[in-house]
Amino acid sequence: MKSRFIKALAAKFRRRRLALTHEEDADGIVSGALYLRVYPDAVLILARPQEIKRDAINWFNLFIWDYVADLPCPKKAKLRVDHHKTNTPCAEIEYYDPEAPSAATLALKALNLENDPEMVKLVELTKQTDTANIVDDEAWDLNDAVKGADYEGRLWLAYELAKRGLEVLKDEKVKAWIWKNRKRRELTEKVAAMIDVKEITLVEFEKNIGISYRGLCTILEKRGAKFITIIVPKEGAYRPYIGASCRSSYDAAVVASRLGGGGHKVAAGARVKAKEKIYEELKKYLGLEKLEFIVISSKLDTFKKLV
């Protein structure tokens, strides 16, 4: 987004701290809120992991970032907190632990907020949302608020969480975001019921139908799948959502990294121009000559495909 670059540039001219955190989930938004709790005048920019490429020519590498969380390391960063196995440490100061349940867990320590009860409570919820083990209503509300909001809404959430903590979840517009994502989750459950689960469960969508594909991975894993890949056409490319049971020998991050992406053992992803490349890497990793996919059409019909 051009406006993000202008916003970052303006922050540097005004000598304000510049923070960069993951846009797409509660862990990234809470990690941003923690920094804003300590530095309320800081400027926060949100981004997706695939946008941050240390060796590429892009605008993220033009700035020195005071704080980066839940993202790969850009070219110049002072402090970074992260727990992704595939994100190599490179900042001046790193709080990096692939075993941590969330980046916010590390940020709490890095920013000396362990005695702030409101922020501690937020971080505890990210341990649920980022490990797909949500049990508390507040964790569901936080997850759904982030997933249901657009970019500006997520940015607003980070700033308001920093000021008001979980009280912000009572805001009427936040309730609307929560409701929106709950409807999305209901459709995801409906789609999951159509899929025959096997140890290796491979799914391909003919069209992006707007469900939670990461949530679908989680549902299939809970129903017995040990390794899952869901291929979705998105924004002129293909997004493989890869999942693996923590109790299995499979590692989702291995496949994702071969495709230029990254993540964790249990959840990883990438962005690939040709889906044939995804097929190729899956065959290599799984040691199979043929892959059996369940294909889901835009009308929610299903059929099997061998590749």
C-alpha atoms as a PDB file:
ATOM      1  CA  MET A   1       0.000   0.000   0.000  1.00  0.00           C
ATOM      2  CA  LYS A   2       1.402   3.349  -1.056  1.00  0.00           C
ATOM      3  CA  SER A   3      -0.089   5.024   2.004  1.00  0.00           C
ATOM      4  CA  ARG A   4       1.967   2.781   4.297  1.00  0.00           C
ATOM      5  CA  PHE A   5       5.192   4.006   2.697  1.00  0.00           C
ATOM      6  CA  ILE A   6       4.123   7.646   3.043  1.00  0.00           C
ATOM      7  CA  LYS A   7       3.143   7.047   6.660  1.00  0.00           C
ATOM      8  CA  ALA A   8       6.515   5.446   7.433  1.00  0.00           C
ATOM      9  CA  LEU A   9       8.374   8.253   5.665  1.00  0.00           C
ATOM     10  CA  ALA A  10       6.447  10.891   7.622  1.00  0.00           C
ATOM     11  CA  ALA A  11       7.279   9.101  10.872  1.00  0.00           C
ATOM     12  CA  LYS A  12      10.985   9.296  10.121  1.00  0.00           C
ATOM     13  CA  PHE A  13      10.784  13.007   9.257  1.00  0.00           C
ATOM     14  CA  ARG A  14       9.014  13.629  12.567  1.00  0.00           C
ATOM     15  CA  ARG A  15      11.573  11.496  14.441  1.00  0.00           C
ATOM     16  CA  ARG A  16       8.946   9.119  15.733  1.00  0.00           C
ATOM     17  CA  ARG A  17       9.570   5.462  16.467  1.00  0.00           C
ATOM     18  CA  LEU A  18       8.566   3.113  13.662  1.00  0.00           C
ATOM     19  CA  ALA A  19       7.074  -0.326  14.331  1.00  0.00           C
ATOM     20  CA  LEU A  20       6.237  -3.162  11.928  1.00  0.00           C
ATOM     21  CA  THR A  21       4.042  -6.105  12.920  1.00  0.00           C
ATOM     22  CA  HIS A  22       2.056  -8.931  11.321  1.00  0.00           C
ATOM     23  CA  GLU A  23      -1.292  -7.787   9.952  1.00  0.00           C
ATOM     24  CA  GLU A  24      -3.251 -11.012   9.658  1.00  0.00           C
ATOM     25  CA  ASP A  25      -3.697 -12.414  13.162  1.00  0.00           C
ATOM     26  CA  ALA A  26      -4.223 -11.545  16.812  1.00  0.00           C
ATOM     27  CA  ASP A  27      -0.595 -12.255  17.703  1.00  0.00           C
ATOM     28  CA  GLY A  28       0.660  -9.582  15.309  1.00  0.00           C
ATOM     29  CA  ILE A  29      -1.942  -7.028  16.397  1.00  0.00           C
ATOM     30  CA  VAL A  30      -1.316  -7.625  20.111  1.00  0.00           C
ATOM     31  CA  SER A  31       2.450  -7.462  19.534  1.00  0.00           C
ATOM     32  CA  GLY A  32       1.872  -4.048  17.974  1.00  0.00           C
ATOM     33  CA  ALA A  33      -0.365  -2.994  20.876  1.00  0.00           C
ATOM     34  CA  LEU A  34       2.360  -3.905  23.380  1.00  0.00           C
ATOM     35  CA  TYR A  35       4.825  -1.589  21.669  1.00  0.00           C
ATOM     36  CA  LEU A  36       2.244   1.201  21.538  1.00  0.00           C
ATOM     37  CA  ARG A  37       1.577   0.694  25.249  1.00  0.00           C
ATOM     38  CA  VAL A  38       5.208   1.633  25.935  1.00  0.00           C
ATOM     39  CA  TYR A  39       5.566   4.148  23.087  1.00  0.00           C
ATOM     40  CA  PRO A  40       2.094   5.646  22.427  1.00  0.00           C
ATOM     41  CA  ASP A  41       3.510   8.167  19.925  1.00  0.00           C
ATOM     42  CA  ALA A  42       5.082   5.447  17.777  1.00  0.00           C
ATOM     43  CA  VAL A  43       3.836   4.848  14.232  1.00  0.00           C
ATOM     44  CA  LEU A  44       2.682   1.298  13.559  1.00  0.00           C
ATOM     45  CA  ILE A  45       2.704  -0.283  10.106  1.00  0.00           C
ATOM     46  CA  LEU A  46       1.097  -3.671   9.477  1.00  0.00           C
ATOM     47  CA  ALA A  47       2.365  -6.140   6.876  1.00  0.00           C
ATOM     48  CA  ARG A  48       2.134  -9.733   5.693  1.00  0.00           C
ATOM     49  CA  PRO A  49       5.096 -12.120   5.908  1.00  0.00           C
ATOM     50  CA  GLN A  50       5.404 -12.543   2.135  1.00  0.00           C
ATOM     51  CA  GLU A  51       5.939  -8.782   1.775  1.00  0.00           C
ATOM     52  CA  ILE A  52       9.095  -8.774   3.908  1.00  0.00           C
ATOM     53  CA  LYS A  53      12.087  -9.944   1.893  1.00  0.00           C
ATOM     54  CA  ARG A  54      15.448  -8.952   3.329  1.00  0.00           C
ATOM     55  CA  ASP A  55      17.384  -9.348   0.081  1.00  0.00           C
ATOM     56  CA  ALA A  56      14.764  -7.909  -2.271  1.00  0.00           C
ATOM     57  CA  ILE A  57      14.315  -4.359  -3.494  1.00  0.00           C
ATOM     58  CA  ASN A  58      11.213  -3.089  -1.704  1.00  0.00           C
ATOM     59  CA  TRP A  59      10.278  -0.099   0.399  1.00  0.00           C
ATOM     60  CA  PHE A  60      10.372  -1.985   3.699  1.00  0.00           C
ATOM     61  CA  ASN A  61      14.146  -2.189   3.326  1.00  0.00           C
ATOM     62  CA  LEU A  62      14.521   1.591   3.005  1.00  0.00           C
ATOM     63  CA  PHE A  63      13.816   2.208   6.693  1.00  0.00           C
ATOM     64  CA  ILE A  64      15.409   1.375  10.018  1.00  0.00           C
ATOM     65  CA  TRP A  65      12.584  -0.235  11.988  1.00  0.00           C
ATOM     66  CA  ASP A  66      12.646   0.352  15.732  1.00  0.00           C
ATOM     67  CA  TYR A  67      10.510  -2.714  16.369  1.00  0.00           C
ATOM     68  CA  VAL A  68       9.471  -5.722  14.279  1.00  0.00           C
ATOM     69  CA  ALA A  69       7.164  -8.469  15.550  1.00  0.00           C
ATOM     70  CA  ASP A  70       5.807 -11.765  14.232  1.00  0.00           C
ATOM     71  CA  LEU A  71       7.398 -11.165  10.818  1.00  0.00           C
ATOM     72  CA  PRO A  72      10.563 -12.030   8.888  1.00  0.00           C
ATOM     73  CA  CYS A  73      13.417  -9.613   9.460  1.00  0.00           C
ATOM     74  CA  PRO A  74      13.646  -6.650   7.051  1.00  0.00           C
ATOM     75  CA  LYS A  75      17.078  -5.324   6.109  1.00  0.00           C
ATOM     76  CA  LYS A  76      17.400  -2.938   9.063  1.00  0.00           C
ATOM     77  CA  ALA A  77      15.773  -3.549  12.448  1.00  0.00           C
ATOM     78  CA  LYS A  78      16.751  -2.550  15.968  1.00  0.00           C
ATOM     79  CA  LEU A  79      14.517  -4.921  17.959  1.00  0.00           C
ATOM     80  CA  ARG A  80      12.627  -7.955  16.710  1.00  0.00           C
ATOM     81  CA  VAL A  81      10.451 -10.509  18.484  1.00  0.00           C
ATOM     82  CA  ASP A  82       9.454 -13.676  16.649  1.00  0.00           C
ATOM     83  CA  HIS A  83       8.774 -17.389  17.032  1.00  0.00           C
ATOM     84  CA  HIS A  84       8.681 -18.630  13.433  1.00  0.00           C
ATOM     85  CA  LYS A  85      11.090 -21.454  12.698  1.00  0.00           C
ATOM     86  CA  THR A  86      11.765 -20.166   9.173  1.00  0.00           C
ATOM     87  CA  ASN A  87      12.419 -16.502  10.094  1.00  0.00           C
ATOM     88  CA  THR A  88      16.170 -16.147  10.546  1.00  0.00           C
ATOM     89  CA  PRO A  89      17.221 -13.695  13.301  1.00  0.00           C
ATOM     90  CA  CYS A  90      19.053 -10.597  12.062  1.00  0.00           C
ATOM     91  CA  ALA A  91      18.028  -7.545  14.130  1.00  0.00           C
ATOM     92  CA  GLU A  92      20.394  -5.708  16.455  1.00  0.00           C
ATOM     93  CA  ILE A  93      18.469  -7.154  19.413  1.00  0.00           C
ATOM     94  CA  GLU A  94      16.534 -10.389  18.967  1.00  0.00           C
ATOM     95  CA  TYR A  95      13.976 -12.052  21.185  1.00  0.00           C
ATOM     96  CA  TYR A  96      13.649 -15.186  19.086  1.00  0.00           C
ATOM     97  CA  ASP A  97      12.330 -18.548  20.235  1.00  0.00           C
ATOM     98  CA  PRO A  98      10.699 -21.032  17.812  1.00  0.00           C
ATOM     99  CA  GLU A  99       9.234 -22.847  20.819  1.00  0.00           C
ATOM    100  CA  ALA A 100       7.349 -19.790  22.114  1.00  0.00           C
ATOM    101  CA  PRO A 101       3.543 -20.059  21.757  1.00  0.00           C
ATOM    102  CA  SER A 102       3.295 -16.530  20.340  1.00  0.00           C
ATOM    103  CA  ALA A 103       5.458 -13.571  19.375  1.00  0.00           C
ATOM    104  CA  ALA A 104       3.550 -11.468  21.906  1.00  0.00           C
ATOM    105  CA  THR A 105       4.879 -13.734  24.667  1.00  0.00           C
ATOM    106  CA  LEU A 106       8.388 -12.633  23.722  1.00  0.00           C
ATOM    107  CA  ALA A 107       7.350  -9.001  23.218  1.00  0.00           C
ATOM    108  CA  LEU A 108       5.982  -8.849  26.765  1.00  0.00           C
ATOM    109  CA  LYS A 109       9.458  -9.634  28.076  1.00  0.00           C
ATOM    110  CA  ALA A 110      11.337  -7.506  25.539  1.00  0.00           C
ATOM    111  CA  LEU A 111       9.253  -4.435  26.424  1.00  0.00           C
ATOM    112  CA  ASN A 112       9.297  -5.031  30.212  1.00  0.00           C
ATOM    113  CA  LEU A 113       5.517  -5.306  30.444  1.00  0.00           C
ATOM    114  CA  GLU A 114       5.377  -8.424  32.590  1.00  0.00           C
ATOM    115  CA  ASN A 115       3.923  -6.412  35.492  1.00  0.00           C
ATOM    116  CA  ASP A 116       1.186  -4.812  33.381  1.00  0.00           C
ATOM    117  CA  PRO A 117      -1.903  -6.982  34.107  1.00  0.00           C
ATOM    118  CA  GLU A 118      -3.910  -5.711  31.128  1.00  0.00           C
ATOM    119  CA  MET A 119      -1.132  -6.539  28.668  1.00  0.00           C
ATOM    120  CA  VAL A 120      -0.397  -9.862  30.366  1.00  0.00           C
ATOM    121  CA  LYS A 121      -4.044 -10.823  29.852  1.00  0.00           C
ATOM    122  CA  LEU A 122      -3.852  -9.926  26.155  1.00  0.00           C
ATOM    123  CA  VAL A 123      -0.723 -12.019  25.714  1.00  0.00           C
ATOM    124  CA  GLU A 124      -2.317 -15.003  27.437  1.00  0.00           C
ATOM    125  CA  LEU A 125      -5.070 -14.907  24.822  1.00  0.00           C
ATOM    126  CA  THR A 126      -2.527 -14.936  21.958  1.00  0.00           C
ATOM    127  CA  LYS A 127      -1.177 -18.206  23.339  1.00  0.00           C
ATOM    128  CA  GLN A 128      -4.572 -19.671  22.502  1.00  0.00           C
ATOM    129  CA  THR A 129      -5.187 -17.936  19.171  1.00  0.00           C
ATOM    130  CA  ASP A 130      -1.729 -18.641  17.764  1.00  0.00           C
ATOM    131  CA  THR A 131      -1.686 -22.326  18.680  1.00  0.00           C
ATOM    132  CA  ALA A 132      -5.237 -22.980  17.403  1.00  0.00           C
ATOM    133  CA  ASN A 133      -6.252 -24.053  20.895  1.00  0.00           C
ATOM    134  CA  ILE A 134      -8.911 -21.474  21.704  1.00  0.00           C
ATOM    135  CA  VAL A 135     -10.956 -22.199  24.832  1.00  0.00           C
ATOM    136  CA  ASP A 136     -11.857 -18.778  26.296  1.00  0.00           C
ATOM    137  CA  ASP A 137     -14.664 -16.608  24.913  1.00  0.00           C
ATOM    138  CA  GLU A 138     -12.402 -13.551  25.035  1.00  0.00           C
ATOM    139  CA  ALA A 139      -9.813 -15.374  22.915  1.00  0.00           C
ATOM    140  CA  TRP A 140     -12.482 -16.148  20.312  1.00  0.00           C
ATOM    141  CA  ASP A 141     -13.653 -12.527  20.374  1.00  0.00           C
ATOM    142  CA  LEU A 142     -10.111 -11.212  19.923  1.00  0.00           C
ATOM    143  CA  ASN A 143      -9.431 -13.673  17.102  1.00  0.00           C
ATOM    144  CA  ASP A 144     -12.699 -12.867  15.334  1.00  0.00           C
ATOM    145  CA  ALA A 145     -12.282  -9.107  15.752  1.00  0.00           C
ATOM    146  CA  VAL A 146      -8.900  -9.187  14.009  1.00  0.00           C
ATOM    147  CA  LYS A 147     -10.001 -11.601  11.283  1.00  0.00           C
ATOM    148  CA  GLY A 148     -13.210  -9.677  10.645  1.00  0.00           C
ATOM    149  CA  ALA A 149     -11.582  -6.240  10.357  1.00  0.00           C
ATOM    150  CA  ASP A 150      -9.861  -4.720   7.318  1.00  0.00           C
ATOM    151  CA  TYR A 151      -6.385  -3.144   7.397  1.00  0.00           C
ATOM    152  CA  GLU A 152      -7.525   0.145   8.936  1.00  0.00           C
ATOM    153  CA  GLY A 153      -9.678  -1.712  11.437  1.00  0.00           C
ATOM    154  CA  ARG A 154      -6.778  -3.879  12.555  1.00  0.00           C
ATOM    155  CA  LEU A 155      -4.574  -0.823  12.925  1.00  0.00           C
ATOM    156  CA  TRP A 156      -7.272   0.852  15.015  1.00  0.00           C
ATOM    157  CA  LEU A 157      -7.509  -2.279  17.163  1.00  0.00           C
ATOM    158  CA  ALA A 158      -3.772  -2.207  17.915  1.00  0.00           C
ATOM    159  CA  TYR A 159      -3.887   1.414  19.067  1.00  0.00           C
ATOM    160  CA  GLU A 160      -7.056   0.902  21.120  1.00  0.00           C
ATOM    161  CA  LEU A 161      -5.880  -2.357  22.709  1.00  0.00           C
ATOM    162  CA  ALA A 162      -2.766  -0.474  23.827  1.00  0.00           C
ATOM    163  CA  LYS A 163      -4.935   2.136  25.549  1.00  0.00           C
ATOM    164  CA  ARG A 164      -7.970   0.195  26.751  1.00  0.00           C
ATOM    165  CA  GLY A 165      -7.025  -3.467  26.719  1.00  0.00           C
ATOM    166  CA  LEU A 166      -9.841  -5.968  26.290  1.00  0.00           C
ATOM    167  CA  GLU A 167     -12.443  -3.293  27.027  1.00  0.00           C
ATOM    168  CA  VAL A 168     -12.237  -2.457  23.309  1.00  0.00           C
ATOM    169  CA  LEU A 169     -14.019  -5.726  22.469  1.00  0.00           C
ATOM    170  CA  LYS A 170     -17.245  -4.164  23.773  1.00  0.00           C
ATOM    171  CA  ASP A 171     -17.148  -1.447  21.095  1.00  0.00           C
ATOM    172  CA  GLU A 172     -20.061  -1.729  18.651  1.00  0.00           C
ATOM    173  CA  LYS A 173     -17.905  -1.706  15.516  1.00  0.00           C
ATOM    174  CA  VAL A 174     -15.689  -4.396  17.036  1.00  0.00           C
ATOM    175  CA  LYS A 175     -18.780  -6.502  17.720  1.00  0.00           C
ATOM    176  CA  ALA A 176     -19.638  -6.181  14.018  1.00  0.00           C
ATOM    177  CA  TRP A 177     -16.192  -7.506  13.047  1.00  0.00           C
ATOM    178  CA  ILE A 178     -16.604 -10.381  15.502  1.00  0.00           C
ATOM    179  CA  TRP A 179     -20.001 -11.294  14.023  1.00  0.00           C
ATOM    180  CA  LYS A 180     -18.612 -11.123  10.476  1.00  0.00           C
ATOM    181  CA  ASN A 181     -15.852 -13.620  11.187  1.00  0.00           C
ATOM    182  CA  ARG A 182     -18.133 -15.922  13.129  1.00  0.00           C
ATOM    183  CA  LYS A 183     -20.304 -16.274  10.021  1.00  0.00           C
ATOM    184  CA  ARG A 184     -17.123 -17.038   8.092  1.00  0.00           C
ATOM    185  CA  ARG A 185     -16.205 -19.741  10.601  1.00  0.00           C
ATOM    186  CA  GLU A 186     -19.656 -21.298  10.246  1.00  0.00           C
ATOM    187  CA  LEU A 187     -19.116 -21.664   6.487  1.00  0.00           C
ATOM    188  CA  THR A 188     -15.659 -23.108   7.164  1.00  0.00           C
ATOM    189  CA  GLU A 189     -17.232 -25.790   9.379  1.00  0.00           C
ATOM    190  CA  LYS A 190     -19.741 -26.578   6.619  1.00  0.00           C
ATOM    191  CA  VAL A 191     -16.932 -27.049   4.076  1.00  0.00           C
ATOM    192  CA  ALA A 192     -14.922 -29.184   6.507  1.00  0.00           C
ATOM    193  CA  ALA A 193     -17.854 -31.583   6.832  1.00  0.00           C
ATOM    194  CA  MET A 194     -17.630 -32.246   3.071  1.00  0.00           C
ATOM    195  CA  ILE A 195     -14.026 -33.474   3.230  1.00  0.00           C
ATOM    196  CA  ASP A 196     -13.089 -37.119   3.737  1.00  0.00           C
ATOM    197  CA  VAL A 197     -10.196 -36.975   6.213  1.00  0.00           C
ATOM    198  CA  LYS A 198      -7.150 -39.203   5.715  1.00  0.00           C
ATOM    199  CA  GLU A 199      -3.669 -39.172   7.272  1.00  0.00           C
ATOM    200  CA  ILE A 200      -2.542 -37.055   4.302  1.00  0.00           C
ATOM    201  CA  THR A 201      -5.425 -34.775   3.359  1.00  0.00           C
ATOM    202  CA  LEU A 202      -4.982 -32.606   0.271  1.00  0.00           C
ATOM    203  CA  VAL A 203      -7.610 -30.075  -0.787  1.00  0.00           C
ATOM    204  CA  GLU A 204      -7.760 -27.718  -3.756  1.00  0.00           C
ATOM    205  CA  PHE A 205     -10.263 -24.905  -4.241  1.00  0.00           C
ATOM    206  CA  GLU A 206     -11.197 -23.846  -7.774  1.00  0.00           C
ATOM    207  CA  LYS A 207     -12.043 -20.396  -6.425  1.00  0.00           C
ATOM    208  CA  ASN A 208     -11.395 -18.405  -3.258  1.00  0.00           C
ATOM    209  CA  ILE A 209     -14.706 -18.667  -1.378  1.00  0.00           C
ATOM    210  CA  GLY A 210     -13.594 -16.475   1.521  1.00  0.00           C
ATOM    211  CA  ILE A 211     -13.556 -19.028   4.336  1.00  0.00           C
ATOM    212  CA  SER A 212     -10.824 -19.415   6.952  1.00  0.00           C
ATOM    213  CA  TYR A 213      -8.420 -21.773   5.204  1.00  0.00           C
ATOM    214  CA  ARG A 214      -6.084 -21.892   8.194  1.00  0.00           C
ATOM    215  CA  GLY A 215      -9.118 -22.667  10.329  1.00  0.00           C
ATOM    216  CA  LEU A 216     -10.020 -25.444   7.900  1.00  0.00           C
ATOM    217  CA  CYS A 217      -6.545 -26.953   8.374  1.00  0.00           C
ATOM    218  CA  THR A 218      -7.100 -26.934  12.128  1.00  0.00           C
ATOM    219  CA  ILE A 219     -10.504 -28.626  11.870  1.00  0.00           C
ATOM    220  CA  LEU A 220      -9.128 -31.361   9.588  1.00  0.00           C
ATOM    221  CA  GLU A 221      -6.188 -31.951  11.922  1.00  0.00           C
ATOM    222  CA  LYS A 222      -8.538 -32.302  14.898  1.00  0.00           C
ATOM    223  CA  ARG A 223     -10.537 -34.855  12.892  1.00  0.00           C
ATOM    224  CA  GLY A 224      -7.464 -37.035  12.404  1.00  0.00           C
ATOM    225  CA  ALA A 225      -5.382 -35.682   9.510  1.00  0.00           C
ATOM    226  CA  LYS A 226      -1.642 -35.745  10.178  1.00  0.00           C
ATOM    227  CA  PHE A 227      -0.600 -33.635   7.173  1.00  0.00           C
ATOM    228  CA  ILE A 228      -2.800 -31.159   5.323  1.00  0.00           C
ATOM    229  CA  THR A 229      -2.328 -28.906   2.327  1.00  0.00           C
ATOM    230  CA  ILE A 230      -5.073 -26.613   1.065  1.00  0.00           C
ATOM    231  CA  ILE A 231      -4.416 -24.822  -2.243  1.00  0.00           C
ATOM    232  CA  VAL A 232      -6.361 -21.620  -2.903  1.00  0.00           C
ATOM    233  CA  PRO A 233      -6.139 -19.200  -5.873  1.00  0.00           C
ATOM    234  CA  LYS A 234      -5.600 -15.714  -4.428  1.00  0.00           C
ATOM    235  CA  GLU A 235      -4.540 -12.378  -5.887  1.00  0.00           C
ATOM    236  CA  GLY A 236      -3.120 -13.777  -9.129  1.00  0.00           C
ATOM    237  CA  ALA A 237      -1.219 -16.603  -7.460  1.00  0.00           C
ATOM    238  CA  TYR A 238      -1.783 -19.749  -5.389  1.00  0.00           C
ATOM    239  CA  ARG A 239      -1.657 -19.920  -1.605  1.00  0.00           C
ATOM    240  CA  PRO A 240      -0.828 -23.315  -0.106  1.00  0.00           C
ATOM    241  CA  TYR A 241      -1.985 -23.506   3.516  1.00  0.00           C
ATOM    242  CA  ILE A 242       0.050 -26.316   5.047  1.00  0.00           C
ATOM    243  CA  GLY A 243      -0.641 -27.955   8.392  1.00  0.00           C
ATOM    244  CA  ALA A 244       0.778 -30.859  10.379  1.00  0.00           C
ATOM    245  CA  SER A 245      -0.168 -32.562  13.608  1.00  0.00           C
ATOM    246  CA  CYS A 246       2.226 -31.720  16.441  1.00  0.00           C
ATOM    247  CA  ARG A 247       2.194 -35.422  17.325  1.00  0.00           C
ATOM    248  CA  SER A 248       3.364 -36.484  13.857  1.00  0.00           C
ATOM    249  CA  SER A 249       6.752 -36.510  12.137  1.00  0.00           C
ATOM    250  CA  TYR A 250       5.483 -34.134   9.436  1.00  0.00           C
ATOM    251  CA  ASP A 251       6.781 -30.559   9.346  1.00  0.00           C
ATOM    252  CA  ALA A 252       4.710 -27.962   7.487  1.00  0.00           C
ATOM    253  CA  ALA A 253       7.550 -25.428   7.580  1.00  0.00           C
ATOM    254  CA  VAL A 254       9.817 -27.660   5.477  1.00  0.00           C
ATOM    255  CA  VAL A 255       7.440 -27.680   2.512  1.00  0.00           C
ATOM    256  CA  ALA A 256       6.590 -23.989   2.885  1.00  0.00           C
ATOM    257  CA  SER A 257      10.251 -22.940   2.937  1.00  0.00           C
ATOM    258  CA  ARG A 258      10.914 -24.899  -0.273  1.00  0.00           C
ATOM    259  CA  LEU A 259       8.100 -22.878  -1.846  1.00  0.00           C
ATOM    260  CA  GLY A 260       9.587 -19.579  -0.699  1.00  0.00           C
ATOM    261  CA  GLY A 261       7.336 -19.212   2.325  1.00  0.00           C
ATOM    262  CA  GLY A 262       7.647 -20.115   5.975  1.00  0.00           C
ATOM    263  CA  GLY A 263       5.979 -20.713   9.305  1.00  0.00           C
ATOM    264  CA  HIS A 264       5.944 -23.356  12.021  1.00  0.00           C
ATOM    265  CA  LYS A 265       6.027 -27.149  12.126  1.00  0.00           C
ATOM    266  CA  VAL A 266       2.248 -27.224  12.601  1.00  0.00           C
ATOM    267  CA  ALA A 267       1.202 -24.299  10.379  1.00  0.00           C
ATOM    268  CA  ALA A 268       2.977 -22.724   7.417  1.00  0.00           C
ATOM    269  CA  GLY A 269       2.272 -21.206   4.028  1.00  0.00           C
ATOM    270  CA  ALA A 270       3.600 -19.562   0.890  1.00  0.00           C
ATOM    271  CA  ARG A 271       2.606 -17.667  -2.234  1.00  0.00           C
ATOM    272  CA  VAL A 272       3.354 -19.461  -5.501  1.00  0.00           C
ATOM    273  CA  LYS A 273       2.731 -18.423  -9.115  1.00  0.00           C
ATOM    274  CA  ALA A 274       2.311 -21.943 -10.531  1.00  0.00           C
ATOM    275  CA  LYS A 275       0.395 -24.577  -8.591  1.00  0.00           C
ATOM    276  CA  GLU A 276       2.391 -27.275 -10.389  1.00  0.00           C
ATOM    277  CA  LYS A 277       5.330 -26.195  -8.221  1.00  0.00           C
ATOM    278  CA  ILE A 278       3.247 -26.996  -5.139  1.00  0.00           C
ATOM    279  CA  TYR A 279       2.431 -30.446  -6.538  1.00  0.00           C
ATOM    280  CA  GLU A 280       6.110 -31.061  -7.251  1.00  0.00           C
ATOM    281  CA  GLU A 281       7.302 -30.141  -3.756  1.00  0.00           C
ATOM    282  CA  LEU A 282       4.538 -32.144  -2.093  1.00  0.00           C
ATOM    283  CA  LYS A 283       5.492 -35.243  -4.084  1.00  0.00           C
ATOM    284  CA  LYS A 284       9.139 -34.832  -3.090  1.00  0.00           C
ATOM    285  CA  TYR A 285       8.373 -34.274   0.576  1.00  0.00           C
ATOM    286  CA  LEU A 286       5.775 -37.037   0.896  1.00  0.00           C
ATOM    287  CA  GLY A 287       7.654 -39.491  -1.327  1.00  0.00           C
ATOM    288  CA  LEU A 288       4.628 -40.061  -3.560  1.00  0.00           C
ATOM    289  CA  GLU A 289       4.381 -40.415  -7.335  1.00  0.00           C
ATOM    290  CA  LYS A 290       0.717 -39.359  -7.360  1.00  0.00           C
ATOM    291  CA  LEU A 291      -1.270 -37.007  -5.154  1.00  0.00           C
ATOM    292  CA  GLU A 292      -5.002 -37.358  -4.513  1.00  0.00           C
ATOM    293  CA  PHE A 293      -6.785 -34.040  -4.019  1.00  0.00           C
ATOM    294  CA  ILE A 294     -10.339 -33.317  -2.993  1.00  0.00           C
ATOM    295  CA  VAL A 295     -11.360 -30.436  -5.266  1.00  0.00           C
ATOM    296  CA  ILE A 296     -14.046 -28.002  -4.091  1.00  0.00           C
ATOM    297  CA  SER A 297     -15.848 -25.946  -6.716  1.00  0.00           C
ATOM    298  CA  SER A 298     -17.295 -22.453  -6.349  1.00  0.00           C
ATOM    299  CA  LYS A 299     -20.717 -24.124  -5.947  1.00  0.00           C
ATOM    300  CA  LEU A 300     -19.298 -26.276  -3.124  1.00  0.00           C
ATOM    301  CA  ASP A 301     -19.424 -29.471  -5.184  1.00  0.00           C
ATOM    302  CA  THR A 302     -16.574 -31.907  -4.536  1.00  0.00           C
ATOM    303  CA  PHE A 303     -14.655 -34.389  -6.676  1.00  0.00           C
ATOM    304  CA  LYS A 304     -11.338 -36.214  -6.531  1.00  0.00           C
ATOM    305  CA  LYS A 305      -8.332 -35.423  -8.705  1.00  0.00           C
ATOM    306  CA  LEU A 306      -5.061 -37.321  -9.175  1.00  0.00           C
ATOM    307  CA  VAL A 307      -1.968 -35.317 -10.142  1.00  0.00           C
END
